[in-house]
C-alpha atoms as a PDB file:
ATOM      1  CA  UNK A   1      81.162 246.399  35.506  1.00  0.00           C
ATOM      2  CA  UNK A   2      77.440 245.662  35.384  1.00  0.00           C
ATOM      3  CA  UNK A   3      75.164 248.021  37.272  1.00  0.00           C
ATOM      4  CA  UNK A   4      72.956 245.229  38.637  1.00  0.00           C
ATOM      5  CA  UNK A   5      75.763 243.416  40.514  1.00  0.00           C
ATOM      6  CA  UNK A   6      75.147 243.149  44.226  1.00  0.00           C
ATOM      7  CA  UNK A   7      77.893 243.891  46.700  1.00  0.00           C
ATOM      8  CA  UNK A   8      78.091 241.701  49.792  1.00  0.00           C
ATOM      9  CA  UNK A   9      76.345 243.211  52.781  1.00  0.00           C
ATOM     10  CA  UNK A  10      78.432 243.827  55.867  1.00  0.00           C
ATOM     11  CA  UNK A  11      76.591 242.787  58.985  1.00  0.00           C
ATOM     12  CA  UNK A  12      76.975 244.512  62.337  1.00  0.00           C
ATOM     13  CA  UNK A  13      76.542 241.123  64.046  1.00  0.00           C
ATOM     14  CA  UNK A  14      79.910 239.412  64.279  1.00  0.00           C
ATOM     15  CA  UNK A  15      78.508 236.110  65.556  1.00  0.00           C
ATOM     16  CA  UNK A  16      77.874 234.669  69.006  1.00  0.00           C
ATOM     17  CA  UNK A  17      81.373 235.426  70.281  1.00  0.00           C
ATOM     18  CA  UNK A  18      80.850 239.172  69.715  1.00  0.00           C
ATOM     19  CA  UNK A  19      77.630 239.117  71.748  1.00  0.00           C
ATOM     20  CA  UNK A  20      78.736 236.752  74.516  1.00  0.00           C
ATOM     21  CA  UNK A  21      82.551 236.779  74.826  1.00  0.00           C
ATOM     22  CA  UNK A  22      82.529 234.679  78.030  1.00  0.00           C
ATOM     23  CA  UNK A  23      80.644 231.733  76.466  1.00  0.00           C
ATOM     24  CA  UNK A  24      82.561 228.597  75.523  1.00  0.00           C
ATOM     25  CA  UNK A  25      82.308 227.004  72.088  1.00  0.00           C
ATOM     26  CA  UNK A  26      82.727 223.403  71.011  1.00  0.00           C
ATOM     27  CA  UNK A  27      85.448 222.362  68.559  1.00  0.00           C
ATOM     28  CA  UNK A  28      85.560 218.934  66.948  1.00  0.00           C
ATOM     29  CA  UNK A  29      89.045 218.044  65.725  1.00  0.00           C
ATOM     30  CA  UNK A  30      90.473 214.869  64.248  1.00  0.00           C
ATOM     31  CA  UNK A  31      94.144 214.202  64.862  1.00  0.00           C
ATOM     32  CA  UNK A  32      96.878 211.789  65.788  1.00  0.00           C
ATOM     33  CA  UNK A  33      97.834 212.724  69.359  1.00  0.00           C
ATOM     34  CA  UNK A  34      96.842 215.175  72.081  1.00  0.00           C
ATOM     35  CA  UNK A  35      98.868 216.713  74.889  1.00  0.00           C
ATOM     36  CA  UNK A  36      97.452 219.018  77.544  1.00  0.00           C
ATOM     37  CA  UNK A  37      99.978 221.543  78.868  1.00  0.00           C
ATOM     38  CA  UNK A  38     100.155 224.949  80.527  1.00  0.00           C
ATOM     39  CA  UNK A  39     101.573 227.949  78.675  1.00  0.00           C
ATOM     40  CA  UNK A  40     104.740 229.323  80.294  1.00  0.00           C
ATOM     41  CA  UNK A  41     105.811 232.952  80.209  1.00  0.00           C
ATOM     42  CA  UNK A  42     108.522 233.759  77.677  1.00  0.00           C
ATOM     43  CA  UNK A  43     109.435 237.460  77.449  1.00  0.00           C
ATOM     44  CA  UNK A  44     106.396 239.334  76.120  1.00  0.00           C
ATOM     45  CA  UNK A  45     104.757 236.129  74.910  1.00  0.00           C
ATOM     46  CA  UNK A  46     103.895 232.596  75.956  1.00  0.00           C
ATOM     47  CA  UNK A  47     105.487 229.277  75.114  1.00  0.00           C
ATOM     48  CA  UNK A  48     104.462 225.626  75.050  1.00  0.00           C
ATOM     49  CA  UNK A  49     107.101 222.938  74.625  1.00  0.00           C
ATOM     50  CA  UNK A  50     106.122 219.958  72.490  1.00  0.00           C
ATOM     51  CA  UNK A  51     107.863 216.623  71.912  1.00  0.00           C
ATOM     52  CA  UNK A  52     110.744 216.702  69.417  1.00  0.00           C
ATOM     53  CA  UNK A  53     109.027 214.128  67.190  1.00  0.00           C
ATOM     54  CA  UNK A  54     106.293 216.748  66.573  1.00  0.00           C
ATOM     55  CA  UNK A  55     108.779 219.096  64.860  1.00  0.00           C
ATOM     56  CA  UNK A  56     107.758 219.656  61.250  1.00  0.00           C
ATOM     57  CA  UNK A  57     104.168 218.595  61.854  1.00  0.00           C
ATOM     58  CA  UNK A  58     101.118 220.871  61.843  1.00  0.00           C
ATOM     59  CA  UNK A  59      99.413 221.468  65.206  1.00  0.00           C
ATOM     60  CA  UNK A  60      96.322 223.350  66.403  1.00  0.00           C
ATOM     61  CA  UNK A  61      96.223 225.114  69.739  1.00  0.00           C
ATOM     62  CA  UNK A  62      92.915 225.674  71.569  1.00  0.00           C
ATOM     63  CA  UNK A  63      92.729 227.683  74.789  1.00  0.00           C
ATOM     64  CA  UNK A  64      90.446 225.764  77.152  1.00  0.00           C
ATOM     65  CA  UNK A  65      90.257 228.177  80.119  1.00  0.00           C
END
């Protein structure tokens, strides 16, 4: 191991979300379809039902409120 190698610096600042957790951010996503639904309680978790033709496809979930 060379003695002049630099190690990555760890910053105390974790980005805007660490400073202002109540601020909203903008996401730009390209996709095929969009459905807006409410999350229902399911035991100790939450659940969202999606159409059966979405089974096997990749989805992204974004909390909007």
